[in-house]
Amino acid sequence: MTTREKILASIQANQPSLLPLPEQFTFTTTYPDLTKQFSDSLAFVGGLAVVVPDYTAIEAHLKEHYPALTNVATTCPALAHLADVTLDVTDPHDLAGLNLTIIEGPLAVAENAAIWVDERQLPHRVVPMITQYLVIIIRQSTIVANMHEAYKKLQVNATGFGTFISGPSKTADIEQSLVIGAHGARSLVVYILP
């Protein structure tokens, strides 16, 4: 018997007893105003939340903050006329020049400003990470207090790929300096519709 085999046999002979799984535990979080908590959390992580009454207000805000921006894509039908880039490509590398992408998020979390997006909003997984500037549109009614509530609402087996996005991309690993946009979008604006 080799040393490797002896070690593996010893490990297998000394396995701990199986324990029952713990009961499902969830935190209950209460905020007086979910929209305010979401907005504050998003600001804390470097994003901007803007409460708007309708898509016309979104368009006006976009034109003010991103004047004459080209290479814009959207999956939002109400803002399709703003796009000059189609996301209907077979090779995601063709999207390398995206400057602004506008998508919708079906679920948002107040405690950490995380927004769930999945394959229903994203024709390509790379879209929110490859774009320079990211805009996500959510509804106030979709904001839940915490991640426990969010996971109760998600059905990952029905949506396939999905991810939570909170704030612009950032890292502080590089010489201990905060770098915004290191691995993805340089900014995140979230429009909150009633």
N, C-alpha and C. Protein backbone atom coordinates (compact mmCIF):
# COMPACT_ATOMS: atom_id res chain seq x y z
N MET A 1 0.84 -1.18 0.00
CA MET A 1 0.00 0.00 0.00
C MET A 1 0.89 1.24 0.00
N THR A 2 0.59 2.17 -0.92
CA THR A 2 1.38 3.40 -1.01
C THR A 2 0.99 4.36 0.12
N THR A 3 1.83 5.38 0.31
CA THR A 3 1.54 6.38 1.34
C THR A 3 0.22 7.08 1.04
N ARG A 4 0.01 7.38 -0.21
CA ARG A 4 -1.25 8.03 -0.61
C ARG A 4 -2.44 7.17 -0.24
N GLU A 5 -2.38 5.88 -0.56
CA GLU A 5 -3.48 4.96 -0.26
C GLU A 5 -3.70 4.84 1.24
N LYS A 6 -2.61 4.84 2.03
CA LYS A 6 -2.73 4.78 3.50
C LYS A 6 -3.44 6.02 4.04
N ILE A 7 -3.07 7.18 3.52
CA ILE A 7 -3.69 8.43 3.98
C ILE A 7 -5.18 8.43 3.64
N LEU A 8 -5.52 8.06 2.40
CA LEU A 8 -6.93 8.03 2.00
C LEU A 8 -7.73 7.00 2.80
N ALA A 9 -7.14 5.85 3.07
CA ALA A 9 -7.82 4.83 3.87
C ALA A 9 -8.04 5.31 5.30
N SER A 10 -7.06 6.01 5.85
CA SER A 10 -7.18 6.56 7.20
C SER A 10 -8.29 7.61 7.26
N ILE A 11 -8.34 8.45 6.26
CA ILE A 11 -9.39 9.48 6.21
C ILE A 11 -10.77 8.82 6.12
N GLN A 12 -10.89 7.81 5.26
CA GLN A 12 -12.17 7.15 5.08
C GLN A 12 -12.59 6.41 6.36
N ALA A 13 -11.65 5.87 7.08
CA ALA A 13 -11.97 5.15 8.32
C ALA A 13 -12.34 6.08 9.46
N ASN A 14 -11.99 7.32 9.36
CA ASN A 14 -12.22 8.27 10.46
C ASN A 14 -13.22 9.35 10.08
N GLN A 15 -14.26 8.98 9.36
CA GLN A 15 -15.29 9.95 8.98
C GLN A 15 -16.18 10.26 10.19
N PRO A 16 -16.58 11.51 10.35
CA PRO A 16 -17.51 11.83 11.45
C PRO A 16 -18.89 11.26 11.15
N SER A 17 -19.69 11.14 12.20
CA SER A 17 -21.05 10.64 12.04
C SER A 17 -21.86 11.68 11.26
N LEU A 18 -22.80 11.18 10.48
CA LEU A 18 -23.67 12.07 9.74
C LEU A 18 -24.61 12.79 10.70
N LEU A 19 -24.81 14.06 10.46
CA LEU A 19 -25.71 14.86 11.29
C LEU A 19 -26.90 15.30 10.45
N PRO A 20 -28.05 15.48 11.07
CA PRO A 20 -29.20 15.95 10.29
C PRO A 20 -28.97 17.40 9.85
N LEU A 21 -29.57 17.73 8.72
CA LEU A 21 -29.47 19.11 8.24
C LEU A 21 -30.18 20.05 9.21
N PRO A 22 -29.67 21.25 9.35
CA PRO A 22 -30.33 22.20 10.25
C PRO A 22 -31.70 22.61 9.70
N GLU A 23 -32.54 23.09 10.59
CA GLU A 23 -33.84 23.60 10.16
C GLU A 23 -33.61 24.82 9.29
N GLN A 24 -34.57 25.07 8.40
CA GLN A 24 -34.48 26.28 7.58
C GLN A 24 -34.56 27.48 8.51
N PHE A 25 -33.58 28.34 8.40
CA PHE A 25 -33.56 29.54 9.24
C PHE A 25 -33.52 30.77 8.35
N THR A 26 -34.34 31.73 8.63
CA THR A 26 -34.31 32.96 7.86
C THR A 26 -34.33 34.14 8.81
N PHE A 27 -33.65 35.19 8.40
CA PHE A 27 -33.69 36.43 9.15
C PHE A 27 -34.93 37.21 8.75
N THR A 28 -35.51 37.87 9.70
CA THR A 28 -36.60 38.78 9.40
C THR A 28 -36.06 40.19 9.57
N THR A 29 -36.12 40.96 8.50
CA THR A 29 -35.62 42.32 8.52
C THR A 29 -36.77 43.26 8.20
N THR A 30 -36.83 44.34 8.94
CA THR A 30 -37.88 45.32 8.70
C THR A 30 -37.25 46.69 8.51
N TYR A 31 -37.62 47.34 7.42
CA TYR A 31 -37.20 48.72 7.16
C TYR A 31 -38.45 49.56 7.04
N PRO A 32 -38.43 50.78 7.58
CA PRO A 32 -39.61 51.63 7.46
C PRO A 32 -39.94 51.99 6.01
N ASP A 33 -38.90 52.06 5.16
CA ASP A 33 -39.09 52.43 3.77
C ASP A 33 -38.09 51.62 2.92
N LEU A 34 -38.59 50.61 2.23
CA LEU A 34 -37.71 49.74 1.44
C LEU A 34 -37.00 50.51 0.33
N THR A 35 -37.69 51.45 -0.31
CA THR A 35 -37.08 52.21 -1.40
C THR A 35 -35.93 53.06 -0.88
N LYS A 36 -36.12 53.72 0.25
CA LYS A 36 -35.05 54.53 0.83
C LYS A 36 -33.86 53.66 1.24
N GLN A 37 -34.14 52.52 1.86
CA GLN A 37 -33.06 51.62 2.27
C GLN A 37 -32.29 51.13 1.05
N PHE A 38 -33.01 50.77 -0.01
CA PHE A 38 -32.37 50.33 -1.23
C PHE A 38 -31.48 51.45 -1.78
N SER A 39 -32.02 52.66 -1.86
CA SER A 39 -31.27 53.81 -2.40
C SER A 39 -30.03 54.10 -1.58
N ASP A 40 -30.17 54.08 -0.25
CA ASP A 40 -29.02 54.32 0.64
C ASP A 40 -27.97 53.24 0.48
N SER A 41 -28.40 51.99 0.39
CA SER A 41 -27.45 50.89 0.22
C SER A 41 -26.72 50.99 -1.11
N LEU A 42 -27.46 51.37 -2.15
CA LEU A 42 -26.84 51.51 -3.47
C LEU A 42 -25.82 52.65 -3.48
N ALA A 43 -26.15 53.76 -2.85
CA ALA A 43 -25.21 54.88 -2.76
C ALA A 43 -23.95 54.46 -2.01
N PHE A 44 -24.11 53.65 -0.97
CA PHE A 44 -22.98 53.19 -0.17
C PHE A 44 -22.00 52.36 -0.99
N VAL A 45 -22.51 51.61 -1.97
CA VAL A 45 -21.63 50.77 -2.79
C VAL A 45 -21.25 51.43 -4.11
N GLY A 46 -21.58 52.72 -4.26
CA GLY A 46 -21.10 53.46 -5.43
C GLY A 46 -22.08 53.63 -6.56
N GLY A 47 -23.33 53.23 -6.38
CA GLY A 47 -24.33 53.38 -7.42
C GLY A 47 -25.25 54.56 -7.15
N LEU A 48 -26.17 54.78 -8.04
CA LEU A 48 -27.13 55.89 -7.92
C LEU A 48 -28.52 55.36 -8.18
N ALA A 49 -29.43 55.62 -7.24
CA ALA A 49 -30.84 55.25 -7.41
C ALA A 49 -31.62 56.52 -7.70
N VAL A 50 -32.50 56.46 -8.70
CA VAL A 50 -33.33 57.60 -9.08
C VAL A 50 -34.77 57.12 -9.16
N VAL A 51 -35.61 57.70 -8.31
CA VAL A 51 -37.04 57.37 -8.34
C VAL A 51 -37.67 58.22 -9.44
N VAL A 52 -38.34 57.55 -10.37
CA VAL A 52 -38.94 58.24 -11.52
C VAL A 52 -40.40 57.82 -11.66
N PRO A 53 -41.22 58.69 -12.26
CA PRO A 53 -42.64 58.34 -12.42
C PRO A 53 -42.92 57.44 -13.62
N ASP A 54 -42.07 57.53 -14.67
CA ASP A 54 -42.36 56.77 -15.89
C ASP A 54 -41.12 56.69 -16.78
N TYR A 55 -41.29 56.03 -17.93
CA TYR A 55 -40.18 55.84 -18.86
C TYR A 55 -39.74 57.15 -19.52
N THR A 56 -40.64 58.11 -19.64
CA THR A 56 -40.28 59.41 -20.20
C THR A 56 -39.25 60.10 -19.30
N ALA A 57 -39.45 60.00 -18.00
CA ALA A 57 -38.49 60.58 -17.05
C ALA A 57 -37.15 59.86 -17.11
N ILE A 58 -37.18 58.56 -17.32
CA ILE A 58 -35.93 57.80 -17.47
C ILE A 58 -35.17 58.30 -18.69
N GLU A 59 -35.88 58.44 -19.81
CA GLU A 59 -35.25 58.90 -21.04
C GLU A 59 -34.64 60.30 -20.86
N ALA A 60 -35.36 61.20 -20.21
CA ALA A 60 -34.86 62.56 -19.98
C ALA A 60 -33.59 62.53 -19.12
N HIS A 61 -33.60 61.71 -18.08
CA HIS A 61 -32.43 61.61 -17.19
C HIS A 61 -31.24 61.01 -17.93
N LEU A 62 -31.49 60.01 -18.74
CA LEU A 62 -30.41 59.39 -19.52
C LEU A 62 -29.79 60.40 -20.48
N LYS A 63 -30.63 61.16 -21.17
CA LYS A 63 -30.12 62.14 -22.14
C LYS A 63 -29.32 63.24 -21.44
N GLU A 64 -29.71 63.56 -20.21
CA GLU A 64 -28.99 64.58 -19.45
C GLU A 64 -27.63 64.07 -18.96
N HIS A 65 -27.60 62.83 -18.52
CA HIS A 65 -26.36 62.29 -17.94
C HIS A 65 -25.45 61.58 -18.94
N TYR A 66 -25.98 61.18 -20.05
CA TYR A 66 -25.18 60.52 -21.08
C TYR A 66 -25.45 61.18 -22.43
N PRO A 67 -25.16 62.48 -22.58
CA PRO A 67 -25.46 63.16 -23.84
C PRO A 67 -24.59 62.64 -24.98
N ALA A 68 -25.20 62.45 -26.10
CA ALA A 68 -24.51 62.04 -27.33
C ALA A 68 -23.71 60.74 -27.19
N LEU A 69 -24.10 59.90 -26.26
CA LEU A 69 -23.40 58.63 -26.08
C LEU A 69 -23.82 57.66 -27.18
N THR A 70 -22.84 56.99 -27.76
CA THR A 70 -23.13 55.99 -28.79
C THR A 70 -22.83 54.61 -28.24
N ASN A 71 -23.12 53.60 -29.02
CA ASN A 71 -22.98 52.20 -28.62
C ASN A 71 -23.83 51.90 -27.40
N VAL A 72 -25.12 52.17 -27.55
CA VAL A 72 -26.12 51.96 -26.50
C VAL A 72 -26.96 50.75 -26.89
N ALA A 73 -27.21 49.89 -25.90
CA ALA A 73 -28.05 48.72 -26.13
C ALA A 73 -29.08 48.64 -25.01
N THR A 74 -30.22 48.04 -25.32
CA THR A 74 -31.25 47.86 -24.29
C THR A 74 -32.07 46.61 -24.57
N THR A 75 -32.58 46.03 -23.50
CA THR A 75 -33.55 44.94 -23.63
C THR A 75 -34.92 45.43 -23.19
N CYS A 76 -35.04 46.70 -22.89
CA CYS A 76 -36.29 47.31 -22.43
C CYS A 76 -37.07 47.84 -23.64
N PRO A 77 -38.20 47.24 -23.97
CA PRO A 77 -38.96 47.66 -25.15
C PRO A 77 -39.34 49.14 -25.14
N ALA A 78 -39.64 49.71 -23.98
CA ALA A 78 -40.07 51.11 -23.91
C ALA A 78 -38.96 52.09 -24.26
N LEU A 79 -37.71 51.62 -24.21
CA LEU A 79 -36.56 52.49 -24.51
C LEU A 79 -35.77 51.98 -25.71
N ALA A 80 -36.36 51.10 -26.50
CA ALA A 80 -35.67 50.51 -27.64
C ALA A 80 -35.19 51.55 -28.64
N HIS A 81 -35.90 52.67 -28.74
CA HIS A 81 -35.52 53.72 -29.71
C HIS A 81 -34.21 54.42 -29.33
N LEU A 82 -33.72 54.23 -28.11
CA LEU A 82 -32.44 54.84 -27.70
C LEU A 82 -31.23 54.00 -28.13
N ALA A 83 -31.48 52.76 -28.50
CA ALA A 83 -30.38 51.83 -28.81
C ALA A 83 -29.87 52.02 -30.23
N ASP A 84 -28.55 51.95 -30.35
CA ASP A 84 -27.95 51.92 -31.68
C ASP A 84 -27.10 50.66 -31.87
N VAL A 85 -27.16 49.77 -30.89
CA VAL A 85 -26.46 48.49 -30.96
C VAL A 85 -27.48 47.40 -30.65
N THR A 86 -27.49 46.36 -31.43
CA THR A 86 -28.38 45.23 -31.17
C THR A 86 -27.64 44.19 -30.32
N LEU A 87 -28.37 43.60 -29.41
CA LEU A 87 -27.81 42.52 -28.60
C LEU A 87 -28.04 41.17 -29.25
N ASP A 88 -28.64 41.18 -30.42
CA ASP A 88 -28.93 39.95 -31.16
C ASP A 88 -27.70 39.55 -31.98
N VAL A 89 -26.67 39.10 -31.28
CA VAL A 89 -25.44 38.65 -31.93
C VAL A 89 -25.17 37.22 -31.48
N THR A 90 -24.46 36.48 -32.30
CA THR A 90 -24.14 35.10 -31.91
C THR A 90 -22.85 35.03 -31.10
N ASP A 91 -21.94 35.96 -31.35
CA ASP A 91 -20.67 35.97 -30.63
C ASP A 91 -20.65 37.15 -29.66
N PRO A 92 -20.64 36.91 -28.34
CA PRO A 92 -20.64 37.99 -27.37
C PRO A 92 -19.44 38.94 -27.50
N HIS A 93 -18.37 38.49 -28.14
CA HIS A 93 -17.21 39.36 -28.36
C HIS A 93 -17.58 40.57 -29.22
N ASP A 94 -18.64 40.43 -30.01
CA ASP A 94 -19.10 41.55 -30.84
C ASP A 94 -19.63 42.71 -30.00
N LEU A 95 -19.86 42.47 -28.72
CA LEU A 95 -20.39 43.50 -27.83
C LEU A 95 -19.31 44.23 -27.04
N ALA A 96 -18.06 44.02 -27.40
CA ALA A 96 -16.94 44.61 -26.66
C ALA A 96 -16.97 46.12 -26.61
N GLY A 97 -17.61 46.77 -27.57
CA GLY A 97 -17.63 48.22 -27.61
C GLY A 97 -18.83 48.87 -26.94
N LEU A 98 -19.62 48.11 -26.17
CA LEU A 98 -20.80 48.67 -25.52
C LEU A 98 -20.43 49.78 -24.55
N ASN A 99 -21.08 50.91 -24.68
CA ASN A 99 -20.87 52.00 -23.73
C ASN A 99 -21.95 52.03 -22.66
N LEU A 100 -23.20 51.88 -23.06
CA LEU A 100 -24.32 51.95 -22.12
C LEU A 100 -25.29 50.82 -22.42
N THR A 101 -25.68 50.12 -21.36
CA THR A 101 -26.66 49.06 -21.51
C THR A 101 -27.78 49.30 -20.51
N ILE A 102 -29.01 49.18 -21.00
CA ILE A 102 -30.20 49.40 -20.17
C ILE A 102 -30.97 48.08 -20.12
N ILE A 103 -31.14 47.55 -18.89
CA ILE A 103 -31.87 46.31 -18.71
C ILE A 103 -32.88 46.49 -17.57
N GLU A 104 -33.74 45.51 -17.40
CA GLU A 104 -34.70 45.54 -16.31
C GLU A 104 -34.39 44.44 -15.32
N GLY A 105 -34.65 44.71 -14.06
CA GLY A 105 -34.42 43.72 -13.01
C GLY A 105 -35.73 43.32 -12.36
N PRO A 106 -36.03 42.04 -12.26
CA PRO A 106 -37.30 41.60 -11.71
C PRO A 106 -37.37 41.56 -10.19
N LEU A 107 -36.22 41.70 -9.51
CA LEU A 107 -36.20 41.58 -8.06
C LEU A 107 -35.03 42.39 -7.51
N ALA A 108 -35.27 43.14 -6.43
CA ALA A 108 -34.23 43.95 -5.81
C ALA A 108 -34.26 43.74 -4.30
N VAL A 109 -33.11 43.93 -3.66
CA VAL A 109 -32.96 43.67 -2.23
C VAL A 109 -32.54 44.96 -1.53
N ALA A 110 -33.32 45.38 -0.55
CA ALA A 110 -33.07 46.65 0.14
C ALA A 110 -31.79 46.62 0.98
N GLU A 111 -31.49 45.50 1.66
CA GLU A 111 -30.38 45.48 2.60
C GLU A 111 -29.02 45.71 1.94
N ASN A 112 -28.86 45.32 0.67
CA ASN A 112 -27.56 45.44 0.03
C ASN A 112 -27.63 45.98 -1.40
N ALA A 113 -28.79 46.42 -1.82
CA ALA A 113 -29.00 46.98 -3.15
C ALA A 113 -28.68 46.00 -4.28
N ALA A 114 -28.78 44.73 -4.00
CA ALA A 114 -28.55 43.71 -5.03
C ALA A 114 -29.79 43.59 -5.90
N ILE A 115 -29.56 43.48 -7.20
CA ILE A 115 -30.65 43.33 -8.17
C ILE A 115 -30.44 42.02 -8.92
N TRP A 116 -31.46 41.20 -8.93
CA TRP A 116 -31.39 39.93 -9.64
C TRP A 116 -31.65 40.15 -11.13
N VAL A 117 -30.78 39.63 -11.96
CA VAL A 117 -31.02 39.59 -13.40
C VAL A 117 -30.73 38.17 -13.87
N ASP A 118 -31.50 37.72 -14.84
CA ASP A 118 -31.29 36.37 -15.34
C ASP A 118 -31.44 36.34 -16.86
N GLU A 119 -31.50 35.16 -17.42
CA GLU A 119 -31.51 35.02 -18.87
C GLU A 119 -32.73 35.64 -19.53
N ARG A 120 -33.77 35.93 -18.76
CA ARG A 120 -34.93 36.59 -19.35
C ARG A 120 -34.62 38.05 -19.68
N GLN A 121 -33.69 38.66 -18.95
CA GLN A 121 -33.30 40.05 -19.20
C GLN A 121 -32.02 40.15 -20.03
N LEU A 122 -31.25 39.09 -20.06
CA LEU A 122 -29.93 39.13 -20.70
C LEU A 122 -29.83 38.15 -21.85
N PRO A 123 -29.73 38.63 -23.06
CA PRO A 123 -29.52 37.70 -24.17
C PRO A 123 -28.13 37.06 -24.10
N HIS A 124 -27.19 37.74 -23.45
CA HIS A 124 -25.84 37.22 -23.26
C HIS A 124 -25.41 37.52 -21.83
N ARG A 125 -24.84 36.57 -21.15
CA ARG A 125 -24.42 36.74 -19.76
C ARG A 125 -23.42 37.86 -19.58
N VAL A 126 -22.67 38.13 -20.59
CA VAL A 126 -21.58 39.10 -20.50
C VAL A 126 -22.06 40.55 -20.48
N VAL A 127 -23.29 40.79 -20.90
CA VAL A 127 -23.78 42.16 -21.12
C VAL A 127 -23.57 43.09 -19.93
N PRO A 128 -24.02 42.76 -18.71
CA PRO A 128 -23.84 43.73 -17.62
C PRO A 128 -22.40 43.89 -17.16
N MET A 129 -21.52 42.98 -17.56
CA MET A 129 -20.13 43.06 -17.15
C MET A 129 -19.25 43.75 -18.19
N ILE A 130 -19.63 43.67 -19.45
CA ILE A 130 -18.77 44.19 -20.51
C ILE A 130 -19.07 45.65 -20.84
N THR A 131 -20.26 46.11 -20.50
CA THR A 131 -20.63 47.49 -20.81
C THR A 131 -19.86 48.47 -19.92
N GLN A 132 -19.65 49.66 -20.41
CA GLN A 132 -18.97 50.70 -19.62
C GLN A 132 -19.89 51.25 -18.54
N TYR A 133 -21.15 51.49 -18.89
CA TYR A 133 -22.12 52.06 -17.96
C TYR A 133 -23.37 51.19 -17.99
N LEU A 134 -23.89 50.88 -16.82
CA LEU A 134 -25.04 49.98 -16.72
C LEU A 134 -26.22 50.71 -16.08
N VAL A 135 -27.38 50.53 -16.67
CA VAL A 135 -28.64 51.07 -16.13
C VAL A 135 -29.58 49.89 -15.93
N ILE A 136 -30.16 49.81 -14.74
CA ILE A 136 -31.15 48.77 -14.46
C ILE A 136 -32.43 49.45 -13.99
N ILE A 137 -33.54 49.02 -14.54
CA ILE A 137 -34.85 49.56 -14.18
C ILE A 137 -35.57 48.53 -13.32
N ILE A 138 -36.05 48.99 -12.15
CA ILE A 138 -36.79 48.09 -11.26
C ILE A 138 -38.13 48.75 -10.89
N ARG A 139 -39.00 47.98 -10.30
CA ARG A 139 -40.27 48.47 -9.78
C ARG A 139 -40.20 48.46 -8.25
N GLN A 140 -40.80 49.48 -7.63
CA GLN A 140 -40.80 49.54 -6.16
C GLN A 140 -41.41 48.27 -5.56
N SER A 141 -42.40 47.73 -6.20
CA SER A 141 -43.09 46.55 -5.66
C SER A 141 -42.21 45.30 -5.65
N THR A 142 -41.08 45.34 -6.37
CA THR A 142 -40.20 44.16 -6.42
C THR A 142 -39.09 44.21 -5.38
N ILE A 143 -39.03 45.28 -4.59
CA ILE A 143 -37.97 45.40 -3.57
C ILE A 143 -38.37 44.61 -2.34
N VAL A 144 -37.50 43.68 -1.94
CA VAL A 144 -37.70 42.92 -0.71
C VAL A 144 -36.66 43.35 0.31
N ALA A 145 -36.89 43.03 1.57
CA ALA A 145 -36.03 43.52 2.65
C ALA A 145 -34.64 42.91 2.64
N ASN A 146 -34.54 41.58 2.50
CA ASN A 146 -33.23 40.94 2.62
C ASN A 146 -33.07 39.77 1.65
N MET A 147 -31.89 39.19 1.67
CA MET A 147 -31.58 38.09 0.74
C MET A 147 -32.41 36.84 1.02
N HIS A 148 -32.80 36.61 2.27
CA HIS A 148 -33.64 35.45 2.58
C HIS A 148 -34.98 35.56 1.82
N GLU A 149 -35.56 36.76 1.84
CA GLU A 149 -36.81 36.96 1.11
C GLU A 149 -36.58 36.82 -0.40
N ALA A 150 -35.45 37.32 -0.87
CA ALA A 150 -35.15 37.23 -2.30
C ALA A 150 -35.05 35.77 -2.74
N TYR A 151 -34.33 34.96 -1.98
CA TYR A 151 -34.17 33.56 -2.37
C TYR A 151 -35.48 32.79 -2.33
N LYS A 152 -36.40 33.20 -1.46
CA LYS A 152 -37.71 32.56 -1.44
C LYS A 152 -38.48 32.83 -2.73
N LYS A 153 -38.24 33.99 -3.35
CA LYS A 153 -38.95 34.36 -4.57
C LYS A 153 -38.31 33.82 -5.84
N LEU A 154 -37.03 33.48 -5.77
CA LEU A 154 -36.31 33.03 -6.97
C LEU A 154 -36.61 31.57 -7.29
N GLN A 155 -36.69 31.28 -8.57
CA GLN A 155 -36.81 29.92 -9.05
C GLN A 155 -35.71 29.71 -10.10
N VAL A 156 -34.52 29.45 -9.62
CA VAL A 156 -33.36 29.37 -10.50
C VAL A 156 -33.53 28.25 -11.54
N ASN A 157 -34.21 27.18 -11.17
CA ASN A 157 -34.40 26.09 -12.13
C ASN A 157 -35.29 26.52 -13.30
N ALA A 158 -36.06 27.60 -13.14
CA ALA A 158 -36.92 28.08 -14.22
C ALA A 158 -36.23 29.14 -15.06
N THR A 159 -35.22 29.81 -14.50
CA THR A 159 -34.61 30.93 -15.23
C THR A 159 -33.24 30.62 -15.80
N GLY A 160 -32.61 29.55 -15.39
CA GLY A 160 -31.26 29.28 -15.86
C GLY A 160 -30.27 30.22 -15.20
N PHE A 161 -29.32 30.72 -15.97
CA PHE A 161 -28.31 31.62 -15.43
C PHE A 161 -28.95 32.85 -14.80
N GLY A 162 -28.41 33.27 -13.68
CA GLY A 162 -28.84 34.50 -13.04
C GLY A 162 -27.75 34.99 -12.11
N THR A 163 -27.79 36.27 -11.81
CA THR A 163 -26.79 36.84 -10.90
C THR A 163 -27.38 38.06 -10.20
N PHE A 164 -26.85 38.33 -9.03
CA PHE A 164 -27.19 39.56 -8.33
C PHE A 164 -26.13 40.60 -8.68
N ILE A 165 -26.56 41.82 -8.97
CA ILE A 165 -25.65 42.93 -9.26
C ILE A 165 -25.93 44.01 -8.23
N SER A 166 -24.87 44.49 -7.59
CA SER A 166 -25.01 45.56 -6.61
C SER A 166 -23.89 46.57 -6.84
N GLY A 167 -24.24 47.71 -7.36
CA GLY A 167 -23.25 48.77 -7.57
C GLY A 167 -22.38 48.51 -8.77
N PRO A 168 -21.52 49.49 -9.09
CA PRO A 168 -20.58 49.30 -10.20
C PRO A 168 -19.50 48.31 -9.80
N SER A 169 -18.76 47.82 -10.77
CA SER A 169 -17.65 46.93 -10.49
C SER A 169 -16.58 47.67 -9.70
N LYS A 170 -16.01 46.99 -8.73
CA LYS A 170 -14.94 47.64 -7.96
C LYS A 170 -14.07 46.58 -7.30
N THR A 171 -12.84 46.99 -7.01
CA THR A 171 -11.92 46.14 -6.27
C THR A 171 -10.95 47.02 -5.52
N ALA A 172 -10.45 46.51 -4.41
CA ALA A 172 -9.40 47.22 -3.67
C ALA A 172 -8.18 46.32 -3.54
N ASP A 173 -8.11 45.29 -4.36
CA ASP A 173 -6.99 44.35 -4.31
C ASP A 173 -5.73 44.90 -4.95
N ILE A 174 -5.90 45.87 -5.83
CA ILE A 174 -4.75 46.39 -6.57
C ILE A 174 -4.07 47.46 -5.71
N GLU A 175 -2.95 47.11 -5.13
CA GLU A 175 -2.17 48.02 -4.28
C GLU A 175 -3.02 48.70 -3.22
N GLN A 176 -4.05 48.02 -2.74
CA GLN A 176 -4.94 48.50 -1.69
C GLN A 176 -5.57 49.85 -2.04
N SER A 177 -5.82 50.07 -3.30
CA SER A 177 -6.51 51.27 -3.75
C SER A 177 -7.83 50.86 -4.37
N LEU A 178 -8.88 51.61 -4.06
CA LEU A 178 -10.18 51.31 -4.64
C LEU A 178 -10.18 51.69 -6.11
N VAL A 179 -10.53 50.72 -6.95
CA VAL A 179 -10.60 50.93 -8.40
C VAL A 179 -12.03 50.63 -8.83
N ILE A 180 -12.70 51.63 -9.39
CA ILE A 180 -14.07 51.45 -9.89
C ILE A 180 -14.01 51.04 -11.36
N GLY A 181 -14.82 50.05 -11.72
CA GLY A 181 -14.86 49.59 -13.10
C GLY A 181 -13.76 48.61 -13.45
N ALA A 182 -13.17 47.99 -12.46
CA ALA A 182 -12.04 47.09 -12.72
C ALA A 182 -12.45 45.83 -13.48
N HIS A 183 -13.61 45.29 -13.16
CA HIS A 183 -14.02 44.01 -13.74
C HIS A 183 -15.37 44.09 -14.44
N GLY A 184 -15.87 45.29 -14.63
CA GLY A 184 -17.18 45.42 -15.23
C GLY A 184 -17.55 46.88 -15.37
N ALA A 185 -18.84 47.14 -15.26
CA ALA A 185 -19.35 48.50 -15.49
C ALA A 185 -18.74 49.52 -14.53
N ARG A 186 -18.45 50.70 -15.07
CA ARG A 186 -17.85 51.79 -14.27
C ARG A 186 -18.89 52.52 -13.45
N SER A 187 -20.15 52.41 -13.82
CA SER A 187 -21.19 53.04 -13.02
C SER A 187 -22.47 52.22 -13.15
N LEU A 188 -23.32 52.38 -12.13
CA LEU A 188 -24.63 51.75 -12.14
C LEU A 188 -25.66 52.78 -11.71
N VAL A 189 -26.63 53.02 -12.58
CA VAL A 189 -27.78 53.86 -12.24
C VAL A 189 -28.99 52.94 -12.23
N VAL A 190 -29.76 53.02 -11.14
CA VAL A 190 -30.98 52.22 -11.02
C VAL A 190 -32.16 53.16 -11.00
N TYR A 191 -33.05 53.00 -11.96
CA TYR A 191 -34.28 53.78 -12.01
C TYR A 191 -35.37 52.96 -11.33
N ILE A 192 -36.05 53.60 -10.37
CA ILE A 192 -37.09 52.93 -9.61
C ILE A 192 -38.44 53.48 -10.04
N LEU A 193 -39.23 52.64 -10.69
CA LEU A 193 -40.57 53.00 -11.14
C LEU A 193 -41.60 52.61 -10.08
N PRO A 194 -42.73 53.33 -10.02
CA PRO A 194 -43.77 52.96 -9.05
C PRO A 194 -44.39 51.60 -9.39
